[in-house]
Full PDB file with SEQRES, HELIX, SHEET, SSBOND, CRYST1, ORIGX, SCALE, CONECT and MASTER records, all heavy atoms in Angstrom:
SEQRES   1 A   35  LEU GLY ARG LEU GLU GLY VAL LYS LEU VAL TYR MET GLY          
SEQRES   2 A   35  ASP ALA ARG TYR ASN MET GLY ASN SER LEU MET ILE ALA          
SEQRES   3 A   35  CYS ALA LYS LEU GLY LEU ASN PHE THR                          
HELIX    1 AA1 ASN A   18  LEU A   30  1                                  13    
SHEET    1 AA1 2 LYS A   8  LEU A   9  0                                        
SHEET    2 AA1 2 ASN A  33  PHE A  34  1                                        
CRYST1    1.000    1.000    1.000  90.00  90.00  90.00 P 1           1          
ORIGX1      1.000000  0.000000  0.000000        0.00000                         
ORIGX2      0.000000  1.000000  0.000000        0.00000                         
ORIGX3      0.000000  0.000000  1.000000        0.00000                         
SCALE1      1.000000  0.000000  0.000000        0.00000                         
SCALE2      0.000000  1.000000  0.000000        0.00000                         
SCALE3      0.000000  0.000000  1.000000        0.00000                         
ATOM      1  N   LEU A   1      24.674   2.758 -79.221  1.00  0.00           N  
ATOM      2  CA  LEU A   1      25.696   2.285 -80.145  1.00  0.00           C  
ATOM      3  C   LEU A   1      25.633   2.962 -81.510  1.00  0.00           C  
ATOM      4  O   LEU A   1      26.563   2.834 -82.302  1.00  0.00           O  
ATOM      5  CB  LEU A   1      25.583   0.767 -80.317  1.00  0.00           C  
ATOM      6  CG  LEU A   1      25.699  -0.074 -79.028  1.00  0.00           C  
ATOM      7  CD1 LEU A   1      25.661  -1.567 -79.368  1.00  0.00           C  
ATOM      8  CD2 LEU A   1      26.959   0.262 -78.255  1.00  0.00           C  
ATOM      9  N   GLY A   2      24.527   3.650 -81.785  1.00  0.00           N  
ATOM     10  CA  GLY A   2      24.400   4.373 -83.048  1.00  0.00           C  
ATOM     11  C   GLY A   2      24.027   3.508 -84.230  1.00  0.00           C  
ATOM     12  O   GLY A   2      23.924   3.987 -85.354  1.00  0.00           O  
ATOM     13  N   ARG A   3      23.804   2.218 -84.013  1.00  0.00           N  
ATOM     14  CA  ARG A   3      23.469   1.310 -85.115  1.00  0.00           C  
ATOM     15  C   ARG A   3      22.797   0.064 -84.552  1.00  0.00           C  
ATOM     16  O   ARG A   3      22.832  -0.193 -83.344  1.00  0.00           O  
ATOM     17  CB  ARG A   3      24.733   0.892 -85.877  1.00  0.00           C  
ATOM     18  CG  ARG A   3      25.632  -0.062 -85.121  1.00  0.00           C  
ATOM     19  CD  ARG A   3      26.969  -0.283 -85.789  1.00  0.00           C  
ATOM     20  NE  ARG A   3      27.650  -1.488 -85.313  1.00  0.00           N  
ATOM     21  CZ  ARG A   3      28.273  -1.609 -84.168  1.00  0.00           C  
ATOM     22  NH1 ARG A   3      28.304  -0.564 -83.336  1.00  0.00           N  
ATOM     23  NH2 ARG A   3      28.860  -2.750 -83.830  1.00  0.00           N  
ATOM     24  N   LEU A   4      22.213  -0.727 -85.441  1.00  0.00           N  
ATOM     25  CA  LEU A   4      21.677  -2.040 -85.099  1.00  0.00           C  
ATOM     26  C   LEU A   4      22.345  -3.136 -85.914  1.00  0.00           C  
ATOM     27  O   LEU A   4      22.723  -4.170 -85.365  1.00  0.00           O  
ATOM     28  CB  LEU A   4      20.156  -2.083 -85.316  1.00  0.00           C  
ATOM     29  CG  LEU A   4      19.295  -1.271 -84.336  1.00  0.00           C  
ATOM     30  CD1 LEU A   4      17.820  -1.372 -84.735  1.00  0.00           C  
ATOM     31  CD2 LEU A   4      19.476  -1.733 -82.896  1.00  0.00           C  
ATOM     32  N   GLU A   5      22.480  -2.923 -87.205  1.00  0.00           N  
ATOM     33  CA  GLU A   5      23.073  -3.933 -88.073  1.00  0.00           C  
ATOM     34  C   GLU A   5      24.508  -4.251 -87.637  1.00  0.00           C  
ATOM     35  O   GLU A   5      25.327  -3.364 -87.439  1.00  0.00           O  
ATOM     36  CB  GLU A   5      23.067  -3.481 -89.528  1.00  0.00           C  
ATOM     37  CG  GLU A   5      21.683  -3.445 -90.151  1.00  0.00           C  
ATOM     38  CD  GLU A   5      21.714  -3.179 -91.639  1.00  0.00           C  
ATOM     39  OE1 GLU A   5      22.829  -3.186 -92.210  1.00  0.00           O  
ATOM     40  OE2 GLU A   5      20.643  -2.965 -92.241  1.00  0.00           O  
ATOM     41  N   GLY A   6      24.776  -5.541 -87.519  1.00  0.00           N  
ATOM     42  CA  GLY A   6      26.115  -5.975 -87.163  1.00  0.00           C  
ATOM     43  C   GLY A   6      26.413  -5.999 -85.681  1.00  0.00           C  
ATOM     44  O   GLY A   6      27.468  -6.480 -85.258  1.00  0.00           O  
ATOM     45  N   VAL A   7      25.494  -5.488 -84.848  1.00  0.00           N  
ATOM     46  CA  VAL A   7      25.682  -5.508 -83.400  1.00  0.00           C  
ATOM     47  C   VAL A   7      25.627  -6.955 -82.905  1.00  0.00           C  
ATOM     48  O   VAL A   7      24.762  -7.730 -83.316  1.00  0.00           O  
ATOM     49  CB  VAL A   7      24.603  -4.662 -82.689  1.00  0.00           C  
ATOM     50  CG1 VAL A   7      24.592  -4.945 -81.185  1.00  0.00           C  
ATOM     51  CG2 VAL A   7      24.844  -3.184 -82.936  1.00  0.00           C  
ATOM     52  N   LYS A   8      26.564  -7.323 -82.017  1.00  0.00           N  
ATOM     53  CA  LYS A   8      26.550  -8.648 -81.419  1.00  0.00           C  
ATOM     54  C   LYS A   8      25.864  -8.576 -80.065  1.00  0.00           C  
ATOM     55  O   LYS A   8      26.356  -7.951 -79.129  1.00  0.00           O  
ATOM     56  CB  LYS A   8      27.967  -9.207 -81.248  1.00  0.00           C  
ATOM     57  CG  LYS A   8      27.994 -10.603 -80.614  1.00  0.00           C  
ATOM     58  CD  LYS A   8      29.387 -11.168 -80.475  1.00  0.00           C  
ATOM     59  CE  LYS A   8      29.356 -12.558 -79.820  1.00  0.00           C  
ATOM     60  NZ  LYS A   8      30.712 -13.165 -79.673  1.00  0.00           N  
ATOM     61  N   LEU A   9      24.715  -9.224 -79.965  1.00  0.00           N  
ATOM     62  CA  LEU A   9      23.947  -9.261 -78.720  1.00  0.00           C  
ATOM     63  C   LEU A   9      24.028 -10.664 -78.135  1.00  0.00           C  
ATOM     64  O   LEU A   9      23.665 -11.644 -78.799  1.00  0.00           O  
ATOM     65  CB  LEU A   9      22.490  -8.869 -78.966  1.00  0.00           C  
ATOM     66  CG  LEU A   9      21.600  -8.700 -77.720  1.00  0.00           C  
ATOM     67  CD1 LEU A   9      20.523  -7.663 -77.974  1.00  0.00           C  
ATOM     68  CD2 LEU A   9      20.927 -10.016 -77.293  1.00  0.00           C  
ATOM     69  N   VAL A  10      24.481 -10.762 -76.910  1.00  0.00           N  
ATOM     70  CA  VAL A  10      24.613 -12.040 -76.225  1.00  0.00           C  
ATOM     71  C   VAL A  10      23.587 -12.111 -75.096  1.00  0.00           C  
ATOM     72  O   VAL A  10      23.580 -11.257 -74.209  1.00  0.00           O  
ATOM     73  CB  VAL A  10      26.032 -12.228 -75.654  1.00  0.00           C  
ATOM     74  CG1 VAL A  10      26.134 -13.570 -74.931  1.00  0.00           C  
ATOM     75  CG2 VAL A  10      27.065 -12.139 -76.764  1.00  0.00           C  
ATOM     76  N   TYR A  11      22.734 -13.131 -75.164  1.00  0.00           N  
ATOM     77  CA  TYR A  11      21.748 -13.345 -74.104  1.00  0.00           C  
ATOM     78  C   TYR A  11      22.240 -14.473 -73.219  1.00  0.00           C  
ATOM     79  O   TYR A  11      22.425 -15.612 -73.675  1.00  0.00           O  
ATOM     80  CB  TYR A  11      20.382 -13.691 -74.695  1.00  0.00           C  
ATOM     81  CG  TYR A  11      19.288 -13.773 -73.642  1.00  0.00           C  
ATOM     82  CD1 TYR A  11      18.569 -12.642 -73.289  1.00  0.00           C  
ATOM     83  CD2 TYR A  11      18.999 -14.964 -72.991  1.00  0.00           C  
ATOM     84  CE1 TYR A  11      17.583 -12.696 -72.319  1.00  0.00           C  
ATOM     85  CE2 TYR A  11      18.021 -15.026 -72.013  1.00  0.00           C  
ATOM     86  CZ  TYR A  11      17.315 -13.892 -71.683  1.00  0.00           C  
ATOM     87  OH  TYR A  11      16.340 -13.948 -70.711  1.00  0.00           O  
ATOM     88  N   MET A  12      22.435 -14.181 -71.925  1.00  0.00           N  
ATOM     89  CA  MET A  12      22.932 -15.160 -70.967  1.00  0.00           C  
ATOM     90  C   MET A  12      21.844 -15.533 -69.967  1.00  0.00           C  
ATOM     91  O   MET A  12      21.116 -14.664 -69.485  1.00  0.00           O  
ATOM     92  CB  MET A  12      24.163 -14.617 -70.233  1.00  0.00           C  
ATOM     93  CG  MET A  12      25.333 -14.297 -71.157  1.00  0.00           C  
ATOM     94  SD  MET A  12      26.791 -13.657 -70.308  1.00  0.00           S  
ATOM     95  CE  MET A  12      27.340 -15.111 -69.404  1.00  0.00           C  
ATOM     96  N   GLY A  13      21.742 -16.812 -69.678  1.00  0.00           N  
ATOM     97  CA  GLY A  13      20.706 -17.268 -68.746  1.00  0.00           C  
ATOM     98  C   GLY A  13      19.722 -18.193 -69.417  1.00  0.00           C  
ATOM     99  O   GLY A  13      20.071 -18.955 -70.319  1.00  0.00           O  
ATOM    100  N   ASP A  14      18.466 -18.155 -69.008  1.00  0.00           N  
ATOM    101  CA  ASP A  14      17.413 -19.016 -69.540  1.00  0.00           C  
ATOM    102  C   ASP A  14      16.874 -18.399 -70.831  1.00  0.00           C  
ATOM    103  O   ASP A  14      16.104 -17.440 -70.805  1.00  0.00           O  
ATOM    104  CB  ASP A  14      16.299 -19.173 -68.510  1.00  0.00           C  
ATOM    105  CG  ASP A  14      15.318 -20.293 -68.872  1.00  0.00           C  
ATOM    106  OD1 ASP A  14      15.272 -20.684 -70.045  1.00  0.00           O  
ATOM    107  OD2 ASP A  14      14.600 -20.764 -67.979  1.00  0.00           O  
ATOM    108  N   ALA A  15      17.265 -18.975 -71.963  1.00  0.00           N  
ATOM    109  CA  ALA A  15      16.916 -18.408 -73.275  1.00  0.00           C  
ATOM    110  C   ALA A  15      15.695 -19.074 -73.896  1.00  0.00           C  
ATOM    111  O   ALA A  15      15.439 -18.912 -75.094  1.00  0.00           O  
ATOM    112  CB  ALA A  15      18.109 -18.519 -74.229  1.00  0.00           C  
ATOM    113  N   ARG A  16      14.897 -19.784 -73.098  1.00  0.00           N  
ATOM    114  CA  ARG A  16      13.763 -20.536 -73.651  1.00  0.00           C  
ATOM    115  C   ARG A  16      12.480 -19.729 -73.752  1.00  0.00           C  
ATOM    116  O   ARG A  16      11.562 -20.122 -74.486  1.00  0.00           O  
ATOM    117  CB  ARG A  16      13.481 -21.758 -72.774  1.00  0.00           C  
ATOM    118  CG  ARG A  16      14.618 -22.742 -72.674  1.00  0.00           C  
ATOM    119  CD  ARG A  16      14.300 -23.815 -71.643  1.00  0.00           C  
ATOM    120  NE  ARG A  16      14.123 -23.241 -70.307  1.00  0.00           N  
ATOM    121  CZ  ARG A  16      13.716 -23.935 -69.250  1.00  0.00           C  
ATOM    122  NH1 ARG A  16      13.430 -25.216 -69.374  1.00  0.00           N  
ATOM    123  NH2 ARG A  16      13.593 -23.330 -68.062  1.00  0.00           N  
ATOM    124  N   TYR A  17      12.383 -18.612 -73.049  1.00  0.00           N  
ATOM    125  CA  TYR A  17      11.090 -17.963 -72.893  1.00  0.00           C  
ATOM    126  C   TYR A  17      11.051 -16.560 -73.506  1.00  0.00           C  
ATOM    127  O   TYR A  17      11.851 -16.233 -74.379  1.00  0.00           O  
ATOM    128  CB  TYR A  17      10.697 -17.948 -71.426  1.00  0.00           C  
ATOM    129  CG  TYR A  17      10.588 -19.342 -70.837  1.00  0.00           C  
ATOM    130  CD1 TYR A  17      11.327 -19.709 -69.715  1.00  0.00           C  
ATOM    131  CD2 TYR A  17       9.779 -20.303 -71.430  1.00  0.00           C  
ATOM    132  CE1 TYR A  17      11.239 -20.991 -69.189  1.00  0.00           C  
ATOM    133  CE2 TYR A  17       9.687 -21.583 -70.918  1.00  0.00           C  
ATOM    134  CZ  TYR A  17      10.419 -21.929 -69.795  1.00  0.00           C  
ATOM    135  OH  TYR A  17      10.339 -23.193 -69.294  1.00  0.00           O  
ATOM    136  N   ASN A  18      10.109 -15.729 -73.008  1.00  0.00           N  
ATOM    137  CA  ASN A  18       9.754 -14.473 -73.670  1.00  0.00           C  
ATOM    138  C   ASN A  18      10.934 -13.618 -74.104  1.00  0.00           C  
ATOM    139  O   ASN A  18      11.082 -13.281 -75.276  1.00  0.00           O  
ATOM    140  CB  ASN A  18       8.839 -13.652 -72.764  1.00  0.00           C  
ATOM    141  CG  ASN A  18       7.395 -14.076 -72.858  1.00  0.00           C  
ATOM    142  OD1 ASN A  18       7.090 -15.096 -73.456  1.00  0.00           O  
ATOM    143  ND2 ASN A  18       6.506 -13.299 -72.270  1.00  0.00           N  
ATOM    144  N   MET A  19      11.782 -13.237 -73.152  1.00  0.00           N  
ATOM    145  CA  MET A  19      12.824 -12.275 -73.477  1.00  0.00           C  
ATOM    146  C   MET A  19      13.830 -12.839 -74.471  1.00  0.00           C  
ATOM    147  O   MET A  19      14.179 -12.191 -75.462  1.00  0.00           O  
ATOM    148  CB  MET A  19      13.543 -11.801 -72.211  1.00  0.00           C  
ATOM    149  CG  MET A  19      12.711 -10.857 -71.354  1.00  0.00           C  
ATOM    150  SD  MET A  19      11.934  -9.519 -72.303  1.00  0.00           S  
ATOM    151  CE  MET A  19      13.316  -8.822 -73.189  1.00  0.00           C  
ATOM    152  N   GLY A  20      14.324 -14.044 -74.207  1.00  0.00           N  
ATOM    153  CA  GLY A  20      15.271 -14.649 -75.133  1.00  0.00           C  
ATOM    154  C   GLY A  20      14.688 -14.825 -76.520  1.00  0.00           C  
ATOM    155  O   GLY A  20      15.334 -14.535 -77.529  1.00  0.00           O  
ATOM    156  N   ASN A  21      13.441 -15.293 -76.577  1.00  0.00           N  
ATOM    157  CA  ASN A  21      12.777 -15.504 -77.866  1.00  0.00           C  
ATOM    158  C   ASN A  21      12.524 -14.189 -78.595  1.00  0.00           C  
ATOM    159  O   ASN A  21      12.753 -14.074 -79.801  1.00  0.00           O  
ATOM    160  CB  ASN A  21      11.460 -16.243 -77.667  1.00  0.00           C  
ATOM    161  CG  ASN A  21      11.661 -17.682 -77.228  1.00  0.00           C  
ATOM    162  OD1 ASN A  21      12.732 -18.255 -77.400  1.00  0.00           O  
ATOM    163  ND2 ASN A  21      10.638 -18.270 -76.646  1.00  0.00           N  
ATOM    164  N   SER A  22      12.030 -13.187 -77.877  1.00  0.00           N  
ATOM    165  CA  SER A  22      11.738 -11.891 -78.484  1.00  0.00           C  
ATOM    166  C   SER A  22      12.994 -11.260 -79.070  1.00  0.00           C  
ATOM    167  O   SER A  22      12.987 -10.734 -80.189  1.00  0.00           O  
ATOM    168  CB  SER A  22      11.111 -10.943 -77.455  1.00  0.00           C  
ATOM    169  OG  SER A  22       9.872 -11.424 -76.999  1.00  0.00           O  
ATOM    170  N   LEU A  23      14.070 -11.305 -78.322  1.00  0.00           N  
ATOM    171  CA  LEU A  23      15.318 -10.704 -78.781  1.00  0.00           C  
ATOM    172  C   LEU A  23      15.900 -11.468 -79.968  1.00  0.00           C  
ATOM    173  O   LEU A  23      16.416 -10.868 -80.910  1.00  0.00           O  
ATOM    174  CB  LEU A  23      16.327 -10.660 -77.635  1.00  0.00           C  
ATOM    175  CG  LEU A  23      16.001  -9.629 -76.545  1.00  0.00           C  
ATOM    176  CD1 LEU A  23      16.854  -9.876 -75.305  1.00  0.00           C  
ATOM    177  CD2 LEU A  23      16.221  -8.205 -77.054  1.00  0.00           C  
ATOM    178  N   MET A  24      15.814 -12.788 -79.937  1.00  0.00           N  
ATOM    179  CA  MET A  24      16.339 -13.586 -81.046  1.00  0.00           C  
ATOM    180  C   MET A  24      15.596 -13.278 -82.341  1.00  0.00           C  
ATOM    181  O   MET A  24      16.219 -13.116 -83.403  1.00  0.00           O  
ATOM    182  CB  MET A  24      16.259 -15.078 -80.719  1.00  0.00           C  
ATOM    183  CG  MET A  24      16.817 -15.972 -81.810  1.00  0.00           C  
ATOM    184  SD  MET A  24      16.988 -17.726 -81.340  1.00  0.00           S  
ATOM    185  CE  MET A  24      15.273 -18.157 -81.022  1.00  0.00           C  
ATOM    186  N   ILE A  25      14.279 -13.195 -82.277  1.00  0.00           N  
ATOM    187  CA  ILE A  25      13.483 -12.894 -83.469  1.00  0.00           C  
ATOM    188  C   ILE A  25      13.787 -11.483 -83.979  1.00  0.00           C  
ATOM    189  O   ILE A  25      13.977 -11.274 -85.178  1.00  0.00           O  
ATOM    190  CB  ILE A  25      11.985 -13.048 -83.165  1.00  0.00           C  
ATOM    191  CG1 ILE A  25      11.647 -14.516 -82.887  1.00  0.00           C  
ATOM    192  CG2 ILE A  25      11.136 -12.537 -84.326  1.00  0.00           C  
ATOM    193  CD1 ILE A  25      10.241 -14.743 -82.387  1.00  0.00           C  
ATOM    194  N   ALA A  26      13.835 -10.513 -83.062  1.00  0.00           N  
ATOM    195  CA  ALA A  26      14.117  -9.128 -83.461  1.00  0.00           C  
ATOM    196  C   ALA A  26      15.501  -9.010 -84.096  1.00  0.00           C  
ATOM    197  O   ALA A  26      15.676  -8.331 -85.116  1.00  0.00           O  
ATOM    198  CB  ALA A  26      14.001  -8.206 -82.249  1.00  0.00           C  
ATOM    199  N   CYS A  27      16.485  -9.657 -83.505  1.00  0.00           N  
ATOM    200  CA  CYS A  27      17.844  -9.617 -84.054  1.00  0.00           C  
ATOM    201  C   CYS A  27      17.889 -10.245 -85.446  1.00  0.00           C  
ATOM    202  O   CYS A  27      18.520  -9.708 -86.364  1.00  0.00           O  
ATOM    203  CB  CYS A  27      18.804 -10.351 -83.120  1.00  0.00           C  
ATOM    204  SG  CYS A  27      19.168  -9.481 -81.566  1.00  0.00           S  
ATOM    205  N   ALA A  28      17.226 -11.372 -85.597  1.00  0.00           N  
ATOM    206  CA  ALA A  28      17.229 -12.073 -86.882  1.00  0.00           C  
ATOM    207  C   ALA A  28      16.634 -11.216 -87.989  1.00  0.00           C  
ATOM    208  O   ALA A  28      17.107 -11.217 -89.125  1.00  0.00           O  
ATOM    209  CB  ALA A  28      16.469 -13.389 -86.752  1.00  0.00           C  
ATOM    210  N   LYS A  29      15.584 -10.480 -87.680  1.00  0.00           N  
ATOM    211  CA  LYS A  29      14.903  -9.673 -88.695  1.00  0.00           C  
ATOM    212  C   LYS A  29      15.623  -8.364 -89.001  1.00  0.00           C  
ATOM    213  O   LYS A  29      15.518  -7.846 -90.114  1.00  0.00           O  
ATOM    214  CB  LYS A  29      13.474  -9.386 -88.242  1.00  0.00           C  
ATOM    215  CG  LYS A  29      12.560 -10.614 -88.267  1.00  0.00           C  
ATOM    216  CD  LYS A  29      11.130 -10.233 -87.964  1.00  0.00           C  
ATOM    217  CE  LYS A  29      10.197 -11.426 -88.138  1.00  0.00           C  
ATOM    218  NZ  LYS A  29       8.770 -11.063 -87.935  1.00  0.00           N  
ATOM    219  N   LEU A  30      16.340  -7.824 -88.005  1.00  0.00           N  
ATOM    220  CA  LEU A  30      16.927  -6.488 -88.166  1.00  0.00           C  
ATOM    221  C   LEU A  30      18.439  -6.499 -88.344  1.00  0.00           C  
ATOM    222  O   LEU A  30      19.070  -5.445 -88.339  1.00  0.00           O  
ATOM    223  CB  LEU A  30      16.552  -5.619 -86.967  1.00  0.00           C  
ATOM    224  CG  LEU A  30      15.048  -5.351 -86.812  1.00  0.00           C  
ATOM    225  CD1 LEU A  30      14.782  -4.530 -85.553  1.00  0.00           C  
ATOM    226  CD2 LEU A  30      14.494  -4.639 -88.036  1.00  0.00           C  
ATOM    227  N   GLY A  31      19.029  -7.689 -88.471  1.00  0.00           N  
ATOM    228  CA  GLY A  31      20.439  -7.745 -88.819  1.00  0.00           C  
ATOM    229  C   GLY A  31      21.415  -7.708 -87.671  1.00  0.00           C  
ATOM    230  O   GLY A  31      22.602  -7.443 -87.868  1.00  0.00           O  
ATOM    231  N   LEU A  32      20.962  -7.999 -86.438  1.00  0.00           N  
ATOM    232  CA  LEU A  32      21.869  -8.100 -85.301  1.00  0.00           C  
ATOM    233  C   LEU A  32      22.309  -9.555 -85.152  1.00  0.00           C  
ATOM    234  O   LEU A  32      21.549 -10.480 -85.429  1.00  0.00           O  
ATOM    235  CB  LEU A  32      21.198  -7.650 -83.999  1.00  0.00           C  
ATOM    236  CG  LEU A  32      20.886  -6.160 -83.835  1.00  0.00           C  
ATOM    237  CD1 LEU A  32      19.583  -5.806 -84.578  1.00  0.00           C  
ATOM    238  CD2 LEU A  32      20.737  -5.797 -82.356  1.00  0.00           C  
ATOM    239  N   ASN A  33      23.534  -9.760 -84.703  1.00  0.00           N  
ATOM    240  CA  ASN A  33      24.062 -11.100 -84.491  1.00  0.00           C  
ATOM    241  C   ASN A  33      23.715 -11.556 -83.075  1.00  0.00           C  
ATOM    242  O   ASN A  33      24.212 -11.009 -82.098  1.00  0.00           O  
ATOM    243  CB  ASN A  33      25.570 -11.129 -84.718  1.00  0.00           C  
ATOM    244  CG  ASN A  33      25.934 -10.710 -86.131  1.00  0.00           C  
ATOM    245  OD1 ASN A  33      25.298 -11.126 -87.102  1.00  0.00           O  
ATOM    246  ND2 ASN A  33      26.954  -9.864 -86.266  1.00  0.00           N  
ATOM    247  N   PHE A  34      22.864 -12.577 -82.983  1.00  0.00           N  
ATOM    248  CA  PHE A  34      22.349 -13.031 -81.699  1.00  0.00           C  
ATOM    249  C   PHE A  34      23.079 -14.282 -81.235  1.00  0.00           C  
ATOM    250  O   PHE A  34      23.263 -15.227 -82.000  1.00  0.00           O  
ATOM    251  CB  PHE A  34      20.852 -13.329 -81.806  1.00  0.00           C  
ATOM    252  CG  PHE A  34      20.244 -13.879 -80.541  1.00  0.00           C  
ATOM    253  CD1 PHE A  34      19.789 -13.028 -79.547  1.00  0.00           C  
ATOM    254  CD2 PHE A  34      20.120 -15.254 -80.337  1.00  0.00           C  
ATOM    255  CE1 PHE A  34      19.225 -13.518 -78.383  1.00  0.00           C  
ATOM    256  CE2 PHE A  34      19.561 -15.756 -79.172  1.00  0.00           C  
ATOM    257  CZ  PHE A  34      19.109 -14.890 -78.195  1.00  0.00           C  
ATOM    258  N   THR A  35      23.470 -14.279 -79.965  1.00  0.00           N  
ATOM    259  CA  THR A  35      24.094 -15.444 -79.348  1.00  0.00           C  
ATOM    260  C   THR A  35      23.369 -15.786 -78.056  1.00  0.00           C  
ATOM    261  O   THR A  35      23.215 -14.920 -77.185  1.00  0.00           O  
ATOM    262  CB  THR A  35      25.585 -15.196 -79.044  1.00  0.00           C  
ATOM    263  OG1 THR A  35      26.298 -14.969 -80.266  1.00  0.00           O  
ATOM    264  CG2 THR A  35      26.193 -16.398 -78.329  1.00  0.00           C  
TER     265      THR A  35                                                      
MASTER        0    0    0    1    2    0    0    6  264    1    0    3          
END                                                                             
């Protein structure tokens, strides 16, 4: 995509564990919009 800031990332499925949590934290710190 050529960028990170402002990217909308949607996680579908079970968002309680490693992958959902890791992505949510990374998005929050680096300016991606996490859903």
